[in-house]
Amino acid sequence: MAIGATAALGRSDLIRIQALGALRNGELSPAELRQGVLQLAYYTGCGNATDVDRGIEDAIADHERERAQQR
């Protein structure tokens, strides 16, 4: 719900924080987050969806770096 509301604002910085939290908590997978971008694009418009995608991909990259450092 929070990601959807933030997506409407087109705030990739906030999306990144929310998505990273979801990844860390095991609430959503990278694939689920990417699918969410496609679903949200219809409601938020392509411009905001591009910002959402940027935030999601940044969060996934951050999460992968964190996991690599833990190994």
PDB file of N, CA and C in Angstrom:
ATOM      1  N   MET A   1       0.826  -1.184   0.000  1.00  0.00           N
ATOM      2  CA  MET A   1       0.000   0.000   0.000  1.00  0.00           C
ATOM      3  C   MET A   1       0.873   1.251   0.000  1.00  0.00           C
ATOM      4  N   ALA A   2       1.885   1.270   0.848  1.00  0.00           N
ATOM      5  CA  ALA A   2       2.744   2.455   0.939  1.00  0.00           C
ATOM      6  C   ALA A   2       3.504   2.685  -0.359  1.00  0.00           C
ATOM      7  N   ILE A   3       3.961   1.613  -0.975  1.00  0.00           N
ATOM      8  CA  ILE A   3       4.679   1.760  -2.248  1.00  0.00           C
ATOM      9  C   ILE A   3       3.751   2.343  -3.304  1.00  0.00           C
ATOM     10  N   GLY A   4       2.516   1.914  -3.325  1.00  0.00           N
ATOM     11  CA  GLY A   4       1.562   2.444  -4.296  1.00  0.00           C
ATOM     12  C   GLY A   4       1.299   3.927  -4.105  1.00  0.00           C
ATOM     13  N   ALA A   5       1.153   4.343  -2.858  1.00  0.00           N
ATOM     14  CA  ALA A   5       0.918   5.765  -2.583  1.00  0.00           C
ATOM     15  C   ALA A   5       2.144   6.593  -2.951  1.00  0.00           C
ATOM     16  N   THR A   6       3.309   6.090  -2.645  1.00  0.00           N
ATOM     17  CA  THR A   6       4.541   6.814  -2.972  1.00  0.00           C
ATOM     18  C   THR A   6       4.771   6.835  -4.475  1.00  0.00           C
ATOM     19  N   ALA A   7       4.361   5.784  -5.159  1.00  0.00           N
ATOM     20  CA  ALA A   7       4.512   5.731  -6.616  1.00  0.00           C
ATOM     21  C   ALA A   7       3.752   6.868  -7.284  1.00  0.00           C
ATOM     22  N   ALA A   8       2.596   7.201  -6.743  1.00  0.00           N
ATOM     23  CA  ALA A   8       1.803   8.292  -7.307  1.00  0.00           C
ATOM     24  C   ALA A   8       2.542   9.626  -7.215  1.00  0.00           C
ATOM     25  N   LEU A   9       3.448   9.740  -6.253  1.00  0.00           N
ATOM     26  CA  LEU A   9       4.239  10.961  -6.100  1.00  0.00           C
ATOM     27  C   LEU A   9       5.459  10.967  -7.022  1.00  0.00           C
ATOM     28  N   GLY A  10       5.843   9.793  -7.530  1.00  0.00           N
ATOM     29  CA  GLY A  10       7.019   9.701  -8.386  1.00  0.00           C
ATOM     30  C   GLY A  10       8.320   9.917  -7.629  1.00  0.00           C
ATOM     31  N   ARG A  11       8.371   9.521  -6.377  1.00  0.00           N
ATOM     32  CA  ARG A  11       9.545   9.743  -5.523  1.00  0.00           C
ATOM     33  C   ARG A  11      10.400   8.490  -5.476  1.00  0.00           C
ATOM     34  N   SER A  12      11.371   8.391  -6.376  1.00  0.00           N
ATOM     35  CA  SER A  12      12.219   7.203  -6.424  1.00  0.00           C
ATOM     36  C   SER A  12      13.022   7.027  -5.142  1.00  0.00           C
ATOM     37  N   ASP A  13      13.370   8.131  -4.478  1.00  0.00           N
ATOM     38  CA  ASP A  13      14.143   8.033  -3.232  1.00  0.00           C
ATOM     39  C   ASP A  13      13.337   7.343  -2.132  1.00  0.00           C
ATOM     40  N   LEU A  14      12.054   7.669  -2.032  1.00  0.00           N
ATOM     41  CA  LEU A  14      11.208   7.030  -1.022  1.00  0.00           C
ATOM     42  C   LEU A  14      10.871   5.593  -1.397  1.00  0.00           C
ATOM     43  N   ILE A  15      10.663   5.361  -2.685  1.00  0.00           N
ATOM     44  CA  ILE A  15      10.404   3.997  -3.168  1.00  0.00           C
ATOM     45  C   ILE A  15      11.582   3.102  -2.811  1.00  0.00           C
ATOM     46  N   ARG A  16      12.801   3.613  -3.003  1.00  0.00           N
ATOM     47  CA  ARG A  16      14.012   2.843  -2.692  1.00  0.00           C
ATOM     48  C   ARG A  16      14.014   2.411  -1.227  1.00  0.00           C
ATOM     49  N   ILE A  17      13.703   3.334  -0.342  1.00  0.00           N
ATOM     50  CA  ILE A  17      13.691   3.026   1.091  1.00  0.00           C
ATOM     51  C   ILE A  17      12.630   1.974   1.408  1.00  0.00           C
ATOM     52  N   GLN A  18      11.444   2.132   0.866  1.00  0.00           N
ATOM     53  CA  GLN A  18      10.358   1.193   1.140  1.00  0.00           C
ATOM     54  C   GLN A  18      10.650  -0.182   0.555  1.00  0.00           C
ATOM     55  N   ALA A  19      11.171  -0.206  -0.661  1.00  0.00           N
ATOM     56  CA  ALA A  19      11.474  -1.487  -1.307  1.00  0.00           C
ATOM     57  C   ALA A  19      12.612  -2.202  -0.598  1.00  0.00           C
ATOM     58  N   LEU A  20      13.618  -1.461  -0.174  1.00  0.00           N
ATOM     59  CA  LEU A  20      14.729  -2.076   0.546  1.00  0.00           C
ATOM     60  C   LEU A  20      14.235  -2.691   1.862  1.00  0.00           C
ATOM     61  N   GLY A  21      13.347  -2.010   2.538  1.00  0.00           N
ATOM     62  CA  GLY A  21      12.759  -2.572   3.752  1.00  0.00           C
ATOM     63  C   GLY A  21      11.993  -3.856   3.474  1.00  0.00           C
ATOM     64  N   ALA A  22      11.231  -3.866   2.403  1.00  0.00           N
ATOM     65  CA  ALA A  22      10.470  -5.068   2.038  1.00  0.00           C
ATOM     66  C   ALA A  22      11.404  -6.230   1.702  1.00  0.00           C
ATOM     67  N   LEU A  23      12.510  -5.933   1.020  1.00  0.00           N
ATOM     68  CA  LEU A  23      13.486  -6.977   0.707  1.00  0.00           C
ATOM     69  C   LEU A  23      14.167  -7.496   1.968  1.00  0.00           C
ATOM     70  N   ARG A  24      14.585  -6.599   2.832  1.00  0.00           N
ATOM     71  CA  ARG A  24      15.265  -6.999   4.072  1.00  0.00           C
ATOM     72  C   ARG A  24      14.368  -7.848   4.963  1.00  0.00           C
ATOM     73  N   ASN A  25      13.088  -7.521   4.996  1.00  0.00           N
ATOM     74  CA  ASN A  25      12.142  -8.243   5.848  1.00  0.00           C
ATOM     75  C   ASN A  25      11.584  -9.495   5.187  1.00  0.00           C
ATOM     76  N   GLY A  26      11.964  -9.736   3.946  1.00  0.00           N
ATOM     77  CA  GLY A  26      11.467 -10.903   3.229  1.00  0.00           C
ATOM     78  C   GLY A  26      10.006 -10.799   2.833  1.00  0.00           C
ATOM     79  N   GLU A  27       9.482  -9.576   2.804  1.00  0.00           N
ATOM     80  CA  GLU A  27       8.069  -9.377   2.466  1.00  0.00           C
ATOM     81  C   GLU A  27       7.819  -9.479   0.972  1.00  0.00           C
ATOM     82  N   LEU A  28       8.791  -9.026   0.170  1.00  0.00           N
ATOM     83  CA  LEU A  28       8.671  -9.078  -1.288  1.00  0.00           C
ATOM     84  C   LEU A  28      10.003  -9.513  -1.879  1.00  0.00           C
ATOM     85  N   SER A  29       9.932 -10.213  -3.001  1.00  0.00           N
ATOM     86  CA  SER A  29      11.137 -10.621  -3.723  1.00  0.00           C
ATOM     87  C   SER A  29      11.443  -9.575  -4.803  1.00  0.00           C
ATOM     88  N   PRO A  30      12.653  -9.609  -5.365  1.00  0.00           N
ATOM     89  CA  PRO A  30      12.931  -8.703  -6.479  1.00  0.00           C
ATOM     90  C   PRO A  30      11.937  -8.867  -7.635  1.00  0.00           C
ATOM     91  N   ALA A  31      11.574 -10.104  -7.934  1.00  0.00           N
ATOM     92  CA  ALA A  31      10.617 -10.340  -9.021  1.00  0.00           C
ATOM     93  C   ALA A  31       9.250  -9.725  -8.711  1.00  0.00           C
ATOM     94  N   GLU A  32       8.819  -9.834  -7.471  1.00  0.00           N
ATOM     95  CA  GLU A  32       7.526  -9.253  -7.087  1.00  0.00           C
ATOM     96  C   GLU A  32       7.560  -7.737  -7.162  1.00  0.00           C
ATOM     97  N   LEU A  33       8.671  -7.148  -6.748  1.00  0.00           N
ATOM     98  CA  LEU A  33       8.793  -5.692  -6.838  1.00  0.00           C
ATOM     99  C   LEU A  33       8.769  -5.233  -8.294  1.00  0.00           C
ATOM    100  N   ARG A  34       9.485  -5.946  -9.139  1.00  0.00           N
ATOM    101  CA  ARG A  34       9.497  -5.587 -10.573  1.00  0.00           C
ATOM    102  C   ARG A  34       8.112  -5.736 -11.191  1.00  0.00           C
ATOM    103  N   GLN A  35       7.399  -6.774 -10.805  1.00  0.00           N
ATOM    104  CA  GLN A  35       6.029  -6.950 -11.299  1.00  0.00           C
ATOM    105  C   GLN A  35       5.137  -5.813 -10.817  1.00  0.00           C
ATOM    106  N   GLY A  36       5.369  -5.363  -9.593  1.00  0.00           N
ATOM    107  CA  GLY A  36       4.599  -4.247  -9.054  1.00  0.00           C
ATOM    108  C   GLY A  36       4.765  -2.980  -9.870  1.00  0.00           C
ATOM    109  N   VAL A  37       5.962  -2.761 -10.385  1.00  0.00           N
ATOM    110  CA  VAL A  37       6.195  -1.587 -11.235  1.00  0.00           C
ATOM    111  C   VAL A  37       5.276  -1.635 -12.449  1.00  0.00           C
ATOM    112  N   LEU A  38       5.170  -2.807 -13.058  1.00  0.00           N
ATOM    113  CA  LEU A  38       4.299  -2.942 -14.235  1.00  0.00           C
ATOM    114  C   LEU A  38       2.842  -2.674 -13.876  1.00  0.00           C
ATOM    115  N   GLN A  39       2.413  -3.160 -12.731  1.00  0.00           N
ATOM    116  CA  GLN A  39       1.036  -2.944 -12.306  1.00  0.00           C
ATOM    117  C   GLN A  39       0.774  -1.474 -11.974  1.00  0.00           C
ATOM    118  N   LEU A  40       1.732  -0.846 -11.303  1.00  0.00           N
ATOM    119  CA  LEU A  40       1.556   0.558 -10.905  1.00  0.00           C
ATOM    120  C   LEU A  40       1.610   1.516 -12.088  1.00  0.00           C
ATOM    121  N   ALA A  41       2.297   1.146 -13.151  1.00  0.00           N
ATOM    122  CA  ALA A  41       2.430   2.031 -14.313  1.00  0.00           C
ATOM    123  C   ALA A  41       1.062   2.419 -14.864  1.00  0.00           C
ATOM    124  N   TYR A  42       0.140   1.499 -14.829  1.00  0.00           N
ATOM    125  CA  TYR A  42      -1.208   1.772 -15.337  1.00  0.00           C
ATOM    126  C   TYR A  42      -1.888   2.875 -14.529  1.00  0.00           C
ATOM    127  N   TYR A  43      -1.672   2.866 -13.221  1.00  0.00           N
ATOM    128  CA  TYR A  43      -2.348   3.807 -12.337  1.00  0.00           C
ATOM    129  C   TYR A  43      -1.597   5.120 -12.137  1.00  0.00           C
ATOM    130  N   THR A  44      -0.285   5.075 -12.216  1.00  0.00           N
ATOM    131  CA  THR A  44       0.509   6.267 -11.913  1.00  0.00           C
ATOM    132  C   THR A  44       1.036   6.983 -13.142  1.00  0.00           C
ATOM    133  N   GLY A  45       0.955   6.347 -14.308  1.00  0.00           N
ATOM    134  CA  GLY A  45       1.476   6.930 -15.535  1.00  0.00           C
ATOM    135  C   GLY A  45       2.920   6.506 -15.772  1.00  0.00           C
ATOM    136  N   CYS A  46       3.318   6.601 -17.018  1.00  0.00           N
ATOM    137  CA  CYS A  46       4.653   6.128 -17.399  1.00  0.00           C
ATOM    138  C   CYS A  46       5.775   6.934 -16.750  1.00  0.00           C
ATOM    139  N   GLY A  47       5.594   8.232 -16.601  1.00  0.00           N
ATOM    140  CA  GLY A  47       6.632   9.058 -15.992  1.00  0.00           C
ATOM    141  C   GLY A  47       6.911   8.648 -14.560  1.00  0.00           C
ATOM    142  N   ASN A  48       5.868   8.495 -13.779  1.00  0.00           N
ATOM    143  CA  ASN A  48       6.049   8.059 -12.391  1.00  0.00           C
ATOM    144  C   ASN A  48       6.536   6.616 -12.325  1.00  0.00           C
ATOM    145  N   ALA A  49       6.091   5.783 -13.248  1.00  0.00           N
ATOM    146  CA  ALA A  49       6.534   4.386 -13.261  1.00  0.00           C
ATOM    147  C   ALA A  49       8.032   4.295 -13.518  1.00  0.00           C
ATOM    148  N   THR A  50       8.562   5.193 -14.321  1.00  0.00           N
ATOM    149  CA  THR A  50      10.010   5.221 -14.555  1.00  0.00           C
ATOM    150  C   THR A  50      10.747   5.543 -13.264  1.00  0.00           C
ATOM    151  N   ASP A  51      10.231   6.487 -12.505  1.00  0.00           N
ATOM    152  CA  ASP A  51      10.841   6.820 -11.208  1.00  0.00           C
ATOM    153  C   ASP A  51      10.719   5.661 -10.229  1.00  0.00           C
ATOM    154  N   VAL A  52       9.578   4.997 -10.232  1.00  0.00           N
ATOM    155  CA  VAL A  52       9.384   3.843  -9.363  1.00  0.00           C
ATOM    156  C   VAL A  52      10.381   2.746  -9.731  1.00  0.00           C
ATOM    157  N   ASP A  53      10.532   2.494 -11.009  1.00  0.00           N
ATOM    158  CA  ASP A  53      11.475   1.470 -11.463  1.00  0.00           C
ATOM    159  C   ASP A  53      12.896   1.798 -11.008  1.00  0.00           C
ATOM    160  N   ARG A  54      13.278   3.048 -11.108  1.00  0.00           N
ATOM    161  CA  ARG A  54      14.615   3.458 -10.669  1.00  0.00           C
ATOM    162  C   ARG A  54      14.800   3.163  -9.178  1.00  0.00           C
ATOM    163  N   GLY A  55      13.820   3.512  -8.374  1.00  0.00           N
ATOM    164  CA  GLY A  55      13.905   3.255  -6.943  1.00  0.00           C
ATOM    165  C   GLY A  55      13.951   1.771  -6.613  1.00  0.00           C
ATOM    166  N   ILE A  56      13.147   0.984  -7.323  1.00  0.00           N
ATOM    167  CA  ILE A  56      13.121  -0.465  -7.106  1.00  0.00           C
ATOM    168  C   ILE A  56      14.466  -1.082  -7.472  1.00  0.00           C
ATOM    169  N   GLU A  57      14.981  -0.722  -8.632  1.00  0.00           N
ATOM    170  CA  GLU A  57      16.260  -1.296  -9.073  1.00  0.00           C
ATOM    171  C   GLU A  57      17.408  -0.872  -8.160  1.00  0.00           C
ATOM    172  N   ASP A  58      17.378   0.361  -7.665  1.00  0.00           N
ATOM    173  CA  ASP A  58      18.395   0.807  -6.701  1.00  0.00           C
ATOM    174  C   ASP A  58      18.314  -0.014  -5.416  1.00  0.00           C
ATOM    175  N   ALA A  59      17.107  -0.269  -4.943  1.00  0.00           N
ATOM    176  CA  ALA A  59      16.920  -1.053  -3.724  1.00  0.00           C
ATOM    177  C   ALA A  59      17.398  -2.486  -3.914  1.00  0.00           C
ATOM    178  N   ILE A  60      17.093  -3.068  -5.059  1.00  0.00           N
ATOM    179  CA  ILE A  60      17.534  -4.442  -5.331  1.00  0.00           C
ATOM    180  C   ILE A  60      19.060  -4.503  -5.368  1.00  0.00           C
ATOM    181  N   ALA A  61      19.679  -3.541  -6.008  1.00  0.00           N
ATOM    182  CA  ALA A  61      21.149  -3.507  -6.060  1.00  0.00           C
ATOM    183  C   ALA A  61      21.741  -3.338  -4.667  1.00  0.00           C
ATOM    184  N   ASP A  62      21.169  -2.455  -3.857  1.00  0.00           N
ATOM    185  CA  ASP A  62      21.630  -2.264  -2.479  1.00  0.00           C
ATOM    186  C   ASP A  62      21.507  -3.553  -1.678  1.00  0.00           C
ATOM    187  N   HIS A  63      20.366  -4.224  -1.843  1.00  0.00           N
ATOM    188  CA  HIS A  63      20.110  -5.458  -1.096  1.00  0.00           C
ATOM    189  C   HIS A  63      21.102  -6.553  -1.504  1.00  0.00           C
ATOM    190  N   GLU A  64      21.373  -6.655  -2.791  1.00  0.00           N
ATOM    191  CA  GLU A  64      22.329  -7.662  -3.265  1.00  0.00           C
ATOM    192  C   GLU A  64      23.731  -7.377  -2.737  1.00  0.00           C
ATOM    193  N   ARG A  65      24.116  -6.101  -2.680  1.00  0.00           N
ATOM    194  CA  ARG A  65      25.419  -5.743  -2.112  1.00  0.00           C
ATOM    195  C   ARG A  65      25.487  -6.107  -0.627  1.00  0.00           C
ATOM    196  N   GLU A  66      24.416  -5.825   0.099  1.00  0.00           N
ATOM    197  CA  GLU A  66      24.377  -6.157   1.524  1.00  0.00           C
ATOM    198  C   GLU A  66      24.527  -7.665   1.738  1.00  0.00           C
ATOM    199  N   ARG A  67      23.818  -8.429   0.945  1.00  0.00           N
ATOM    200  CA  ARG A  67      23.889  -9.897   1.079  1.00  0.00           C
ATOM    201  C   ARG A  67      25.265 -10.420   0.729  1.00  0.00           C
ATOM    202  N   ALA A  68      25.902  -9.843  -0.276  1.00  0.00           N
ATOM    203  CA  ALA A  68      27.248 -10.261  -0.664  1.00  0.00           C
ATOM    204  C   ALA A  68      28.254  -9.969   0.437  1.00  0.00           C
ATOM    205  N   GLN A  69      28.091  -8.858   1.135  1.00  0.00           N
ATOM    206  CA  GLN A  69      29.003  -8.491   2.219  1.00  0.00           C
ATOM    207  C   GLN A  69      28.847  -9.390   3.427  1.00  0.00           C
ATOM    208  N   GLN A  70      27.663  -9.952   3.607  1.00  0.00           N
ATOM    209  CA  GLN A  70      27.408 -10.822   4.745  1.00  0.00           C
ATOM    210  C   GLN A  70      28.016 -12.214   4.562  1.00  0.00           C
ATOM    211  N   ARG A  71      28.352 -12.549   3.343  1.00  0.00           N
ATOM    212  CA  ARG A  71      28.894 -13.901   3.061  1.00  0.00           C
ATOM    213  C   ARG A  71      30.345 -13.971   3.370  1.00  0.00           C
TER     214      ARG A  71
END
